[in-house]
């Protein structure tokens, strides 16, 4: 596979450029409040459910099920998740321990008109990077690599972007948090795929 023809990677790069430009003109909090302002009951429900696509337990459980059908793919995706999430958690709890979440700033600013989605988690600390976004981009980037001959990679990118959107919509993270998480997730997924999977270092687990 040639990276210059990788629609997932190039589309992701274009997305980074666009959201990077947005952040030149608007503050992180303003972006979060605007996205939350798009809310309605349908979107509330979709985001509450969709955010679990980046949940560790959901990903691990899915990999366990996938193992019975494609052991090497399952192990590869699990490694992508574990390595990328390990990097993110290390950053959260060492370098960026004092980076607060949107709800902290909303509370400190006394913005009582910004409504929290009913059922959403209320957290204030360890905002950067976004763990759910990291996990989602790692797994969906991995799926786009494994299944590119069967499924359009842009479909997987769309799912990953939606998870990132849910984290902002639910006021769990800023846009910058999701951008960082997405980069960590994709970088890890591509490293595992090209350095381990394609080089046969996962062959001991099976032949699929």
C-alpha atoms as a PDB file:
ATOM      1  CA  UNK A   1       0.000   0.000   0.000  1.00  0.00           C
ATOM      2  CA  UNK A   2       1.332   3.437  -0.927  1.00  0.00           C
ATOM      3  CA  UNK A   3       0.747   6.175   1.622  1.00  0.00           C
ATOM      4  CA  UNK A   4       0.320   8.777  -1.108  1.00  0.00           C
ATOM      5  CA  UNK A   5      -2.880   6.950  -2.103  1.00  0.00           C
ATOM      6  CA  UNK A   6      -4.124   6.549   1.459  1.00  0.00           C
ATOM      7  CA  UNK A   7      -7.493   8.342   1.481  1.00  0.00           C
ATOM      8  CA  UNK A   8      -7.867   7.948   5.261  1.00  0.00           C
ATOM      9  CA  UNK A   9      -4.540   9.641   5.955  1.00  0.00           C
ATOM     10  CA  UNK A  10      -4.885  12.434   3.419  1.00  0.00           C
ATOM     11  CA  UNK A  11      -8.466  13.225   4.408  1.00  0.00           C
ATOM     12  CA  UNK A  12      -7.377  13.290   8.034  1.00  0.00           C
ATOM     13  CA  UNK A  13      -4.589  15.729   7.135  1.00  0.00           C
ATOM     14  CA  UNK A  14      -7.085  18.027   5.429  1.00  0.00           C
ATOM     15  CA  UNK A  15      -9.327  17.854   8.492  1.00  0.00           C
ATOM     16  CA  UNK A  16      -6.415  18.823  10.756  1.00  0.00           C
ATOM     17  CA  UNK A  17      -5.687  21.813   8.543  1.00  0.00           C
ATOM     18  CA  UNK A  18      -9.287  23.001   8.646  1.00  0.00           C
ATOM     19  CA  UNK A  19      -9.769  22.639  12.400  1.00  0.00           C
ATOM     20  CA  UNK A  20      -6.357  24.209  12.924  1.00  0.00           C
ATOM     21  CA  UNK A  21      -7.518  27.287  11.026  1.00  0.00           C
ATOM     22  CA  UNK A  22     -10.679  27.478  13.121  1.00  0.00           C
ATOM     23  CA  UNK A  23      -8.580  27.645  16.267  1.00  0.00           C
ATOM     24  CA  UNK A  24      -6.736  30.699  14.953  1.00  0.00           C
ATOM     25  CA  UNK A  25      -9.946  32.717  15.161  1.00  0.00           C
ATOM     26  CA  UNK A  26     -11.871  31.249  18.096  1.00  0.00           C
ATOM     27  CA  UNK A  27     -10.952  30.245  21.620  1.00  0.00           C
ATOM     28  CA  UNK A  28     -11.202  26.650  22.768  1.00  0.00           C
ATOM     29  CA  UNK A  29     -14.064  27.466  25.120  1.00  0.00           C
ATOM     30  CA  UNK A  30     -15.952  29.390  22.432  1.00  0.00           C
ATOM     31  CA  UNK A  31     -15.701  26.416  20.083  1.00  0.00           C
ATOM     32  CA  UNK A  32     -16.965  24.052  22.779  1.00  0.00           C
ATOM     33  CA  UNK A  33     -19.906  26.279  23.679  1.00  0.00           C
ATOM     34  CA  UNK A  34     -20.832  26.703  20.012  1.00  0.00           C
ATOM     35  CA  UNK A  35     -20.805  22.948  19.374  1.00  0.00           C
ATOM     36  CA  UNK A  36     -22.827  22.301  22.533  1.00  0.00           C
ATOM     37  CA  UNK A  37     -25.273  24.940  21.323  1.00  0.00           C
ATOM     38  CA  UNK A  38     -26.098  22.759  18.328  1.00  0.00           C
ATOM     39  CA  UNK A  39     -27.808  20.397  20.735  1.00  0.00           C
ATOM     40  CA  UNK A  40     -31.171  18.709  20.588  1.00  0.00           C
ATOM     41  CA  UNK A  41     -32.559  15.559  22.181  1.00  0.00           C
ATOM     42  CA  UNK A  42     -31.718  13.387  19.170  1.00  0.00           C
ATOM     43  CA  UNK A  43     -28.106  14.574  19.051  1.00  0.00           C
ATOM     44  CA  UNK A  44     -27.865  14.209  22.826  1.00  0.00           C
ATOM     45  CA  UNK A  45     -28.790  10.526  22.549  1.00  0.00           C
ATOM     46  CA  UNK A  46     -26.532   9.888  19.556  1.00  0.00           C
ATOM     47  CA  UNK A  47     -23.542  11.451  21.300  1.00  0.00           C
ATOM     48  CA  UNK A  48     -24.167   9.660  24.580  1.00  0.00           C
ATOM     49  CA  UNK A  49     -24.168   6.344  22.714  1.00  0.00           C
ATOM     50  CA  UNK A  50     -21.548   7.188  20.107  1.00  0.00           C
ATOM     51  CA  UNK A  51     -18.938   8.255  22.620  1.00  0.00           C
ATOM     52  CA  UNK A  52     -18.716   4.630  23.784  1.00  0.00           C
ATOM     53  CA  UNK A  53     -17.064   3.735  20.469  1.00  0.00           C
ATOM     54  CA  UNK A  54     -13.936   5.137  22.106  1.00  0.00           C
ATOM     55  CA  UNK A  55     -14.465   3.392  25.440  1.00  0.00           C
ATOM     56  CA  UNK A  56     -11.760   0.947  26.465  1.00  0.00           C
ATOM     57  CA  UNK A  57     -14.086  -1.792  27.663  1.00  0.00           C
ATOM     58  CA  UNK A  58     -16.066  -1.699  24.417  1.00  0.00           C
ATOM     59  CA  UNK A  59     -12.892  -1.891  22.339  1.00  0.00           C
ATOM     60  CA  UNK A  60     -11.352  -4.723  24.354  1.00  0.00           C
ATOM     61  CA  UNK A  61     -14.615  -6.665  24.273  1.00  0.00           C
ATOM     62  CA  UNK A  62     -14.879  -6.192  20.512  1.00  0.00           C
ATOM     63  CA  UNK A  63     -11.305  -7.408  20.027  1.00  0.00           C
ATOM     64  CA  UNK A  64     -12.039 -10.522  22.065  1.00  0.00           C
ATOM     65  CA  UNK A  65     -15.000 -11.330  19.822  1.00  0.00           C
ATOM     66  CA  UNK A  66     -12.988 -10.546  16.673  1.00  0.00           C
ATOM     67  CA  UNK A  67     -10.238 -12.893  17.835  1.00  0.00           C
ATOM     68  CA  UNK A  68     -12.373 -15.920  17.003  1.00  0.00           C
ATOM     69  CA  UNK A  69     -12.648 -14.762  13.380  1.00  0.00           C
ATOM     70  CA  UNK A  70      -9.313 -13.057  12.702  1.00  0.00           C
ATOM     71  CA  UNK A  71      -6.722 -13.515  15.475  1.00  0.00           C
ATOM     72  CA  UNK A  72      -3.957 -11.368  13.997  1.00  0.00           C
ATOM     73  CA  UNK A  73      -6.288  -8.495  13.233  1.00  0.00           C
ATOM     74  CA  UNK A  74      -7.746  -8.677  16.717  1.00  0.00           C
ATOM     75  CA  UNK A  75      -4.312  -8.636  18.318  1.00  0.00           C
ATOM     76  CA  UNK A  76      -3.192  -5.810  16.052  1.00  0.00           C
ATOM     77  CA  UNK A  77      -6.187  -3.646  16.921  1.00  0.00           C
ATOM     78  CA  UNK A  78      -5.752  -4.417  20.610  1.00  0.00           C
ATOM     79  CA  UNK A  79      -2.098  -3.368  20.449  1.00  0.00           C
ATOM     80  CA  UNK A  80      -3.055  -0.170  18.639  1.00  0.00           C
ATOM     81  CA  UNK A  81      -5.527   0.627  21.391  1.00  0.00           C
ATOM     82  CA  UNK A  82      -3.258  -0.279  24.307  1.00  0.00           C
ATOM     83  CA  UNK A  83      -0.177   1.530  23.027  1.00  0.00           C
ATOM     84  CA  UNK A  84      -1.985   4.704  21.997  1.00  0.00           C
ATOM     85  CA  UNK A  85      -4.008   4.825  25.204  1.00  0.00           C
ATOM     86  CA  UNK A  86      -0.884   4.219  27.258  1.00  0.00           C
ATOM     87  CA  UNK A  87       0.789   7.224  25.628  1.00  0.00           C
ATOM     88  CA  UNK A  88      -2.275   9.391  26.202  1.00  0.00           C
ATOM     89  CA  UNK A  89      -2.687   8.394  29.845  1.00  0.00           C
ATOM     90  CA  UNK A  90       1.002   9.005  30.487  1.00  0.00           C
ATOM     91  CA  UNK A  91       0.715  12.509  29.051  1.00  0.00           C
ATOM     92  CA  UNK A  92      -2.481  13.195  30.993  1.00  0.00           C
ATOM     93  CA  UNK A  93      -0.993  12.254  34.342  1.00  0.00           C
ATOM     94  CA  UNK A  94       2.528  13.639  33.974  1.00  0.00           C
ATOM     95  CA  UNK A  95       3.057  16.608  31.654  1.00  0.00           C
ATOM     96  CA  UNK A  96      -0.521  17.890  31.328  1.00  0.00           C
ATOM     97  CA  UNK A  97      -1.893  17.237  34.810  1.00  0.00           C
ATOM     98  CA  UNK A  98      -3.133  20.819  35.220  1.00  0.00           C
ATOM     99  CA  UNK A  99      -5.011  21.061  31.929  1.00  0.00           C
ATOM    100  CA  UNK A 100      -8.672  21.407  32.863  1.00  0.00           C
ATOM    101  CA  UNK A 101     -11.752  20.290  30.944  1.00  0.00           C
ATOM    102  CA  UNK A 102     -14.434  22.605  29.499  1.00  0.00           C
ATOM    103  CA  UNK A 103     -16.759  22.137  32.471  1.00  0.00           C
ATOM    104  CA  UNK A 104     -14.095  23.546  34.789  1.00  0.00           C
ATOM    105  CA  UNK A 105     -13.853  26.752  32.753  1.00  0.00           C
ATOM    106  CA  UNK A 106     -17.626  26.974  32.409  1.00  0.00           C
ATOM    107  CA  UNK A 107     -18.013  26.658  36.164  1.00  0.00           C
ATOM    108  CA  UNK A 108     -15.274  29.192  36.889  1.00  0.00           C
ATOM    109  CA  UNK A 109     -16.790  31.671  34.433  1.00  0.00           C
ATOM    110  CA  UNK A 110     -20.258  31.223  35.927  1.00  0.00           C
ATOM    111  CA  UNK A 111     -21.818  30.351  32.564  1.00  0.00           C
ATOM    112  CA  UNK A 112     -25.080  28.955  33.881  1.00  0.00           C
ATOM    113  CA  UNK A 113     -26.752  29.059  30.457  1.00  0.00           C
ATOM    114  CA  UNK A 114     -24.503  26.279  29.093  1.00  0.00           C
ATOM    115  CA  UNK A 115     -26.496  23.121  29.736  1.00  0.00           C
ATOM    116  CA  UNK A 116     -24.895  19.749  30.398  1.00  0.00           C
ATOM    117  CA  UNK A 117     -26.309  16.828  28.428  1.00  0.00           C
ATOM    118  CA  UNK A 118     -28.404  14.727  30.848  1.00  0.00           C
ATOM    119  CA  UNK A 119     -26.497  11.541  31.602  1.00  0.00           C
ATOM    120  CA  UNK A 120     -23.111  12.917  30.542  1.00  0.00           C
ATOM    121  CA  UNK A 121     -20.147  12.443  32.842  1.00  0.00           C
ATOM    122  CA  UNK A 122     -19.147  15.484  34.901  1.00  0.00           C
ATOM    123  CA  UNK A 123     -15.362  15.782  35.010  1.00  0.00           C
ATOM    124  CA  UNK A 124     -13.035  18.729  35.412  1.00  0.00           C
ATOM    125  CA  UNK A 125      -9.425  17.504  35.224  1.00  0.00           C
ATOM    126  CA  UNK A 126      -6.993  15.698  32.876  1.00  0.00           C
ATOM    127  CA  UNK A 127      -8.349  17.157  29.679  1.00  0.00           C
ATOM    128  CA  UNK A 128      -5.352  16.820  27.353  1.00  0.00           C
ATOM    129  CA  UNK A 129      -5.215  14.650  25.265  1.00  0.00           C
ATOM    130  CA  UNK A 130      -8.633  13.044  24.774  1.00  0.00           C
ATOM    131  CA  UNK A 131      -8.465   9.350  25.643  1.00  0.00           C
ATOM    132  CA  UNK A 132     -11.691   8.362  23.884  1.00  0.00           C
ATOM    133  CA  UNK A 133     -10.571  10.143  20.715  1.00  0.00           C
ATOM    134  CA  UNK A 134      -7.158   8.503  20.869  1.00  0.00           C
ATOM    135  CA  UNK A 135      -8.721   5.067  21.159  1.00  0.00           C
ATOM    136  CA  UNK A 136     -11.279   5.680  18.421  1.00  0.00           C
ATOM    137  CA  UNK A 137      -8.732   6.946  15.906  1.00  0.00           C
ATOM    138  CA  UNK A 138      -6.328   4.120  16.716  1.00  0.00           C
ATOM    139  CA  UNK A 139      -8.949   1.424  16.174  1.00  0.00           C
ATOM    140  CA  UNK A 140     -10.711   2.958  13.176  1.00  0.00           C
ATOM    141  CA  UNK A 141      -7.403   3.809  11.494  1.00  0.00           C
ATOM    142  CA  UNK A 142      -6.409   0.200  12.073  1.00  0.00           C
ATOM    143  CA  UNK A 143      -9.642  -1.072  10.572  1.00  0.00           C
ATOM    144  CA  UNK A 144      -9.140   1.174   7.551  1.00  0.00           C
ATOM    145  CA  UNK A 145      -5.735  -0.444   7.002  1.00  0.00           C
ATOM    146  CA  UNK A 146      -6.876  -4.021   7.498  1.00  0.00           C
ATOM    147  CA  UNK A 147     -10.088  -3.713   5.491  1.00  0.00           C
ATOM    148  CA  UNK A 148      -9.227  -1.137   2.848  1.00  0.00           C
ATOM    149  CA  UNK A 149      -9.903  -3.623   0.049  1.00  0.00           C
ATOM    150  CA  UNK A 150     -13.397  -4.305   1.404  1.00  0.00           C
ATOM    151  CA  UNK A 151     -14.593  -1.073   3.030  1.00  0.00           C
ATOM    152  CA  UNK A 152     -14.058   2.554   2.033  1.00  0.00           C
ATOM    153  CA  UNK A 153     -11.508   3.964   4.531  1.00  0.00           C
ATOM    154  CA  UNK A 154     -13.438   7.239   4.704  1.00  0.00           C
ATOM    155  CA  UNK A 155     -16.273   5.413   6.466  1.00  0.00           C
ATOM    156  CA  UNK A 156     -13.909   4.562   9.319  1.00  0.00           C
ATOM    157  CA  UNK A 157     -12.608   8.128   9.389  1.00  0.00           C
ATOM    158  CA  UNK A 158     -16.182   9.337   9.711  1.00  0.00           C
ATOM    159  CA  UNK A 159     -16.767   7.136  12.761  1.00  0.00           C
ATOM    160  CA  UNK A 160     -13.555   8.349  14.389  1.00  0.00           C
ATOM    161  CA  UNK A 161     -14.419  11.990  13.756  1.00  0.00           C
ATOM    162  CA  UNK A 162     -17.870  11.428  15.236  1.00  0.00           C
ATOM    163  CA  UNK A 163     -16.347  10.095  18.453  1.00  0.00           C
ATOM    164  CA  UNK A 164     -14.156  13.204  18.655  1.00  0.00           C
ATOM    165  CA  UNK A 165     -17.235  15.342  18.066  1.00  0.00           C
ATOM    166  CA  UNK A 166     -19.100  13.625  20.911  1.00  0.00           C
ATOM    167  CA  UNK A 167     -16.305  14.455  23.332  1.00  0.00           C
ATOM    168  CA  UNK A 168     -16.613  18.154  22.527  1.00  0.00           C
ATOM    169  CA  UNK A 169     -20.408  18.099  22.383  1.00  0.00           C
ATOM    170  CA  UNK A 170     -20.634  16.413  25.790  1.00  0.00           C
ATOM    171  CA  UNK A 171     -18.223  19.059  27.180  1.00  0.00           C
ATOM    172  CA  UNK A 172     -15.643  16.417  28.062  1.00  0.00           C
ATOM    173  CA  UNK A 173     -12.833  17.868  25.956  1.00  0.00           C
ATOM    174  CA  UNK A 174     -11.697  20.848  23.918  1.00  0.00           C
ATOM    175  CA  UNK A 175     -11.012  20.657  20.197  1.00  0.00           C
ATOM    176  CA  UNK A 176      -7.259  20.737  20.873  1.00  0.00           C
ATOM    177  CA  UNK A 177      -7.607  17.666  23.112  1.00  0.00           C
ATOM    178  CA  UNK A 178      -9.299  15.679  20.368  1.00  0.00           C
ATOM    179  CA  UNK A 179      -6.767  16.815  17.759  1.00  0.00           C
ATOM    180  CA  UNK A 180      -3.887  15.590  19.910  1.00  0.00           C
ATOM    181  CA  UNK A 181      -5.672  12.337  20.671  1.00  0.00           C
ATOM    182  CA  UNK A 182      -6.428  11.702  17.008  1.00  0.00           C
ATOM    183  CA  UNK A 183      -2.780  12.193  16.054  1.00  0.00           C
ATOM    184  CA  UNK A 184      -1.547   9.809  18.746  1.00  0.00           C
ATOM    185  CA  UNK A 185      -4.132   7.218  17.734  1.00  0.00           C
ATOM    186  CA  UNK A 186      -3.340   7.331  14.023  1.00  0.00           C
ATOM    187  CA  UNK A 187       0.432   7.394  14.515  1.00  0.00           C
ATOM    188  CA  UNK A 188       0.253   4.339  16.762  1.00  0.00           C
ATOM    189  CA  UNK A 189      -2.083   2.451  14.426  1.00  0.00           C
ATOM    190  CA  UNK A 190       0.145   2.990  11.403  1.00  0.00           C
ATOM    191  CA  UNK A 191       3.260   2.001  13.367  1.00  0.00           C
ATOM    192  CA  UNK A 192       1.718  -1.264  14.562  1.00  0.00           C
ATOM    193  CA  UNK A 193       0.389  -2.086  11.100  1.00  0.00           C
ATOM    194  CA  UNK A 194       3.565  -1.357   9.143  1.00  0.00           C
ATOM    195  CA  UNK A 195       6.191  -2.348  11.695  1.00  0.00           C
ATOM    196  CA  UNK A 196       4.529  -5.382  13.256  1.00  0.00           C
ATOM    197  CA  UNK A 197       1.667  -6.714  11.145  1.00  0.00           C
ATOM    198  CA  UNK A 198       3.126  -6.368   7.631  1.00  0.00           C
ATOM    199  CA  UNK A 199       6.535  -7.550   8.773  1.00  0.00           C
ATOM    200  CA  UNK A 200       5.014 -10.756  10.116  1.00  0.00           C
ATOM    201  CA  UNK A 201       5.756 -10.106  13.788  1.00  0.00           C
ATOM    202  CA  UNK A 202       2.193 -11.048  14.716  1.00  0.00           C
ATOM    203  CA  UNK A 203       2.218 -14.328  12.800  1.00  0.00           C
ATOM    204  CA  UNK A 204       2.631 -16.344  15.979  1.00  0.00           C
ATOM    205  CA  UNK A 205      -0.995 -15.583  16.883  1.00  0.00           C
ATOM    206  CA  UNK A 206      -2.594 -16.990  13.744  1.00  0.00           C
ATOM    207  CA  UNK A 207      -2.712 -16.725   9.979  1.00  0.00           C
ATOM    208  CA  UNK A 208      -5.685 -14.454   9.376  1.00  0.00           C
END
